[in-house]
Amino acid sequence: MWGRQNNSREVPSPYKRMPSRDYTNLPCREENPARFQISVGPETTTNPSWRLSLPHVLVATISSFLFGYHLSVVNEPLESISLDLGFGGNTLAEGLVVSTCLGGAFLGCLLSGWIADGVGRRRAFQLSALPMIIGASLSATTKNLEGMLFGRFLVGTGMGLGPAVAALYVTEVSPSFVRGTYGSFIQIATCLGLMGALFMGIPAREIKGWWRVCFWVSDVPAVMLASFMVFCAESPHWLYKAIFLHFFLPWLLYIVKFLCLTFIFK
């Protein structure tokens, strides 16, 4: 009797209570999640292939390789250089041979943004390769300290210009999903250049005049950089700016001038 009274006093609920074991028999809505997803066309989900931009990125990183190479090319053969050029034991002259390229790199860094925006990324790479070719050739053929310092300074201007433009170029031509990976190629190329120069200078203590070969070898990647950039794509960001500045901006200024002369100064 008490059981009937308790059942009659229960308040009806819109929710039906079920034992926990009964939930195991319910169909899972996540079995086929594709039903609940909105279908998107392939043209909105695909990204540009990383293979398309990889050759352009590799060519651009040659400038970073040259930066690392010229930064350490005189470390191993410095003693033989000082003896051949007649300033052996002069620590000030030896320090200038090592660090003069950094002064040129400072100048190249200051001009890198202006050059890259003015002539484009590809032409900026070719301009950075030019002083590195001339400076390395001058350092390889010089007979005195002054020629070595001038050659190192010319090389430094290209060292400062190239890697700065490389970081900009790699960012602008790389797809977004591999942009970080391609950006690391710049530092990898710099490290490879440092190690390549150290290995290249090992025979300098045994072979007389080997340091000249070390400078001549650096002309090969510099020529490759200037040559291969002819076949590389220009930065789309720079092309957009160039089209706007050279085509649309003059017309826009002409329209503004026409409206001012017609309505304001009438």
Protein backbone atom coordinates (compact mmCIF):
# COMPACT_ATOMS: atom_id res chain seq x y z
CA MET A 1 0.00 0.00 0.00
CA TRP A 2 2.80 2.31 0.84
CA GLY A 3 4.41 1.51 -2.48
CA ARG A 4 1.26 2.56 -4.33
CA GLN A 5 1.06 5.83 -2.43
CA ASN A 6 4.70 6.67 -3.21
CA ASN A 7 4.20 5.95 -6.89
CA SER A 8 1.16 8.17 -7.01
CA ARG A 9 3.03 11.06 -5.47
CA GLU A 10 5.82 11.02 -8.09
CA VAL A 11 5.88 14.13 -10.23
CA PRO A 12 5.81 13.32 -13.96
CA SER A 13 8.98 14.33 -15.74
CA PRO A 14 9.37 15.03 -19.46
CA TYR A 15 12.70 13.21 -19.40
CA LYS A 16 12.71 9.47 -19.26
CA ARG A 17 15.30 8.01 -16.97
CA MET A 18 17.20 5.08 -18.34
CA PRO A 19 19.76 2.79 -16.76
CA SER A 20 23.36 3.41 -17.79
CA ARG A 21 23.53 0.02 -19.51
CA ASP A 22 20.76 1.09 -21.87
CA TYR A 23 22.93 3.88 -23.29
CA THR A 24 25.31 1.35 -24.75
CA ASN A 25 22.63 0.24 -27.19
CA LEU A 26 22.03 3.72 -28.60
CA PRO A 27 23.47 4.46 -32.06
CA CYS A 28 26.62 6.56 -31.88
CA ARG A 29 26.38 9.78 -33.81
CA GLU A 30 30.13 9.90 -34.34
CA GLU A 31 30.23 6.66 -36.31
CA ASN A 32 29.85 8.56 -39.54
CA PRO A 33 30.94 12.15 -38.87
CA ALA A 34 31.07 12.86 -42.58
CA ARG A 35 27.26 13.14 -42.59
CA PHE A 36 27.37 16.14 -40.30
CA GLN A 37 30.15 17.97 -42.16
CA ILE A 38 29.53 20.51 -44.83
CA SER A 39 31.02 19.38 -48.09
CA VAL A 40 33.67 21.74 -49.41
CA GLY A 41 34.94 21.71 -52.94
CA PRO A 42 38.51 20.65 -53.64
CA GLU A 43 39.40 24.08 -54.88
CA THR A 44 38.87 25.57 -51.41
CA THR A 45 40.86 22.98 -49.45
CA THR A 46 43.96 22.48 -51.58
CA ASN A 47 47.16 24.47 -51.06
CA PRO A 48 49.97 25.15 -53.53
CA SER A 49 52.43 22.31 -53.62
CA TRP A 50 55.63 22.87 -51.66
CA ARG A 51 57.56 21.43 -54.61
CA LEU A 52 56.77 24.47 -56.74
CA SER A 53 58.51 26.95 -54.46
CA LEU A 54 61.33 24.70 -53.24
CA PRO A 55 63.76 25.39 -56.16
CA HIS A 56 63.31 29.15 -55.76
CA VAL A 57 63.95 28.91 -52.02
CA LEU A 58 67.08 26.81 -52.52
CA VAL A 59 68.51 29.31 -54.98
CA ALA A 60 67.81 32.17 -52.58
CA THR A 61 69.58 30.41 -49.72
CA ILE A 62 72.83 30.41 -51.72
CA SER A 63 73.27 33.98 -50.49
CA SER A 64 73.14 32.73 -46.90
CA PHE A 65 75.66 30.02 -47.74
CA LEU A 66 78.00 32.69 -49.08
CA PHE A 67 77.47 34.74 -45.93
CA GLY A 68 78.67 31.88 -43.76
CA TYR A 69 81.50 30.98 -46.12
CA HIS A 70 83.02 34.46 -46.32
CA LEU A 71 82.55 34.95 -42.60
CA SER A 72 84.99 32.13 -41.79
CA VAL A 73 87.05 31.73 -44.94
CA VAL A 74 90.07 33.48 -43.40
CA ASN A 75 90.02 31.66 -40.07
CA GLU A 76 92.17 28.69 -41.05
CA PRO A 77 94.52 30.30 -43.62
CA LEU A 78 94.99 33.59 -41.73
CA GLU A 79 98.55 32.76 -40.77
CA SER A 80 99.59 31.94 -44.33
CA ILE A 81 97.79 35.04 -45.61
CA SER A 82 99.72 37.26 -43.22
CA LEU A 83 103.04 35.70 -44.20
CA ASP A 84 102.40 35.95 -47.95
CA LEU A 85 101.16 39.56 -47.81
CA GLY A 86 103.88 40.76 -45.44
CA PHE A 87 102.04 41.56 -42.21
CA GLY A 88 102.92 38.50 -40.19
CA GLY A 89 102.72 39.10 -36.45
CA ASN A 90 100.66 42.28 -36.86
CA THR A 91 97.55 41.46 -34.85
CA LEU A 92 95.80 44.69 -35.88
CA ALA A 93 96.16 43.87 -39.57
CA GLU A 94 95.01 40.32 -38.98
CA GLY A 95 91.96 41.57 -37.11
CA LEU A 96 91.13 43.95 -39.96
CA VAL A 97 91.33 41.15 -42.50
CA VAL A 98 88.83 39.16 -40.47
CA SER A 99 86.41 41.96 -39.56
CA THR A 100 86.46 44.33 -42.56
CA CYS A 101 83.75 42.29 -44.24
CA LEU A 102 81.45 43.05 -41.30
CA GLY A 103 81.75 46.77 -42.01
CA GLY A 104 80.69 46.14 -45.59
CA ALA A 105 77.88 43.90 -44.34
CA PHE A 106 76.60 46.75 -42.19
CA LEU A 107 76.44 49.00 -45.24
CA GLY A 108 74.72 46.29 -47.27
CA CYS A 109 72.11 45.76 -44.57
CA LEU A 110 71.31 49.47 -44.49
CA LEU A 111 70.68 49.49 -48.24
CA SER A 112 68.98 46.09 -48.52
CA GLY A 113 65.40 47.28 -48.01
CA TRP A 114 65.74 50.19 -50.42
CA ILE A 115 67.33 48.01 -53.11
CA ALA A 116 64.83 45.16 -52.70
CA ASP A 117 61.86 47.52 -53.02
CA GLY A 118 63.42 49.50 -55.83
CA VAL A 119 64.62 46.86 -58.28
CA GLY A 120 62.86 43.73 -57.02
CA ARG A 121 64.00 40.69 -55.12
CA ARG A 122 65.62 38.88 -58.03
CA ARG A 123 67.68 41.87 -59.12
CA ALA A 124 68.68 42.45 -55.50
CA PHE A 125 70.10 38.92 -55.33
CA GLN A 126 72.07 39.50 -58.51
CA LEU A 127 73.38 42.80 -57.18
CA SER A 128 74.50 41.07 -53.98
CA ALA A 129 76.37 38.43 -55.98
CA LEU A 130 78.27 41.02 -58.03
CA PRO A 131 80.43 42.54 -55.22
CA MET A 132 81.03 39.07 -53.80
CA ILE A 133 82.44 37.91 -57.14
CA ILE A 134 84.60 41.02 -57.59
CA GLY A 135 85.71 41.16 -53.97
CA ALA A 136 86.64 37.47 -53.77
CA SER A 137 88.58 37.69 -57.03
CA LEU A 138 90.41 40.77 -55.78
CA SER A 139 91.28 39.05 -52.49
CA ALA A 140 92.52 35.97 -54.34
CA THR A 141 94.88 37.94 -56.63
CA THR A 142 96.07 40.70 -54.30
CA LYS A 143 99.73 41.19 -53.37
CA ASN A 144 99.31 43.54 -50.42
CA LEU A 145 97.20 44.21 -47.36
CA GLU A 146 95.27 47.10 -48.90
CA GLY A 147 93.97 44.97 -51.75
CA MET A 148 92.88 42.27 -49.30
CA LEU A 149 90.99 44.78 -47.14
CA PHE A 150 89.27 46.36 -50.13
CA GLY A 151 88.24 42.96 -51.46
CA ARG A 152 86.90 41.92 -48.07
CA PHE A 153 84.90 45.13 -47.83
CA LEU A 154 83.31 44.54 -51.23
CA VAL A 155 82.44 40.99 -50.25
CA GLY A 156 80.85 42.34 -47.07
CA THR A 157 78.43 44.57 -48.95
CA GLY A 158 77.07 41.54 -50.75
CA MET A 159 76.99 39.59 -47.49
CA GLY A 160 74.78 42.22 -45.90
CA LEU A 161 72.45 42.57 -48.86
CA GLY A 162 71.89 38.91 -49.77
CA PRO A 163 70.63 37.27 -46.55
CA ALA A 164 68.32 40.18 -45.75
CA VAL A 165 66.65 39.86 -49.14
CA ALA A 166 66.63 36.06 -48.79
CA ALA A 167 64.55 36.22 -45.62
CA LEU A 168 62.09 38.53 -47.36
CA TYR A 169 61.95 36.49 -50.56
CA VAL A 170 61.49 33.11 -48.85
CA THR A 171 58.60 34.49 -46.79
CA GLU A 172 56.84 35.90 -49.85
CA VAL A 173 57.14 32.91 -52.21
CA SER A 174 56.56 30.08 -49.72
CA PRO A 175 53.14 28.55 -49.03
CA SER A 176 51.89 29.26 -45.55
CA PHE A 177 52.00 25.65 -44.34
CA VAL A 178 55.77 25.30 -45.06
CA ARG A 179 56.84 28.90 -44.49
CA GLY A 180 58.50 28.13 -41.17
CA THR A 181 60.35 25.14 -42.58
CA TYR A 182 61.62 27.09 -45.56
CA GLY A 183 62.63 29.96 -43.27
CA SER A 184 64.94 27.60 -41.38
CA PHE A 185 66.79 26.86 -44.63
CA ILE A 186 68.45 30.27 -44.34
CA GLN A 187 70.15 29.38 -41.06
CA ILE A 188 70.98 25.89 -42.29
CA ALA A 189 72.68 27.34 -45.36
CA THR A 190 74.67 29.76 -43.18
CA CYS A 191 75.91 26.90 -41.01
CA LEU A 192 76.84 24.88 -44.09
CA GLY A 193 78.81 27.84 -45.39
CA LEU A 194 80.70 28.15 -42.11
CA MET A 195 81.59 24.47 -42.08
CA GLY A 196 82.47 24.47 -45.78
CA ALA A 197 84.95 27.31 -45.31
CA LEU A 198 86.58 25.57 -42.36
CA PHE A 199 87.01 22.32 -44.27
CA MET A 200 88.24 24.23 -47.31
CA GLY A 201 90.96 25.92 -45.29
CA ILE A 202 92.43 22.77 -43.74
CA PRO A 203 95.15 22.27 -46.43
CA ALA A 204 96.28 25.91 -46.10
CA ARG A 205 99.01 25.06 -43.58
CA GLU A 206 100.56 22.42 -45.83
CA ILE A 207 100.03 23.84 -49.33
CA LYS A 208 101.55 27.24 -50.03
CA GLY A 209 99.09 29.71 -51.56
CA TRP A 210 96.06 27.54 -50.82
CA TRP A 211 94.26 30.53 -49.33
CA ARG A 212 93.93 31.98 -52.81
CA VAL A 213 92.08 28.84 -53.88
CA CYS A 214 89.70 29.32 -50.94
CA PHE A 215 88.70 32.73 -52.32
CA TRP A 216 88.44 31.52 -55.91
CA VAL A 217 86.08 28.70 -54.88
CA SER A 218 83.59 31.22 -53.45
CA ASP A 219 83.04 32.64 -56.93
CA VAL A 220 81.29 29.43 -58.01
CA PRO A 221 78.19 29.72 -55.77
CA ALA A 222 78.09 33.48 -56.36
CA VAL A 223 77.93 32.95 -60.12
CA MET A 224 75.29 30.26 -59.58
CA LEU A 225 73.20 32.69 -57.53
CA ALA A 226 73.35 35.40 -60.20
CA SER A 227 72.64 32.93 -63.01
CA PHE A 228 69.86 30.87 -61.46
CA MET A 229 67.96 33.94 -60.32
CA VAL A 230 67.17 34.64 -63.96
CA PHE A 231 64.89 31.57 -63.93
CA CYS A 232 63.34 32.16 -60.51
CA ALA A 233 59.95 33.76 -59.93
CA GLU A 234 59.66 37.31 -58.71
CA SER A 235 58.00 37.97 -55.39
CA PRO A 236 54.22 38.35 -55.86
CA HIS A 237 54.14 40.98 -53.12
CA TRP A 238 56.70 43.11 -54.96
CA LEU A 239 54.89 42.62 -58.28
CA TYR A 240 51.67 43.87 -56.71
CA LYS A 241 53.42 46.98 -55.42
CA ALA A 242 55.20 47.55 -58.71
CA ILE A 243 51.99 47.30 -60.74
CA PHE A 244 50.23 49.69 -58.39
CA LEU A 245 53.05 52.25 -58.39
CA HIS A 246 53.77 52.17 -62.12
CA PHE A 247 50.27 51.82 -63.56
CA PHE A 248 47.46 52.66 -61.16
CA LEU A 249 49.11 55.39 -59.09
CA PRO A 250 49.83 57.74 -62.05
CA TRP A 251 46.23 57.37 -63.25
CA LEU A 252 44.93 57.98 -59.75
CA LEU A 253 47.00 61.14 -59.42
CA TYR A 254 45.81 62.29 -62.83
CA ILE A 255 42.15 61.82 -61.85
CA VAL A 256 42.66 63.68 -58.57
CA LYS A 257 44.38 66.52 -60.39
CA PHE A 258 41.59 66.68 -62.98
CA LEU A 259 38.89 66.82 -60.28
CA CYS A 260 40.73 69.54 -58.40
CA LEU A 261 41.12 71.69 -61.49
CA THR A 262 37.52 71.11 -62.56
CA PHE A 263 35.55 71.57 -59.35
CA ILE A 264 37.76 73.21 -56.74
CA PHE A 265 39.82 75.72 -58.69
CA LYS A 266 37.15 76.46 -61.25
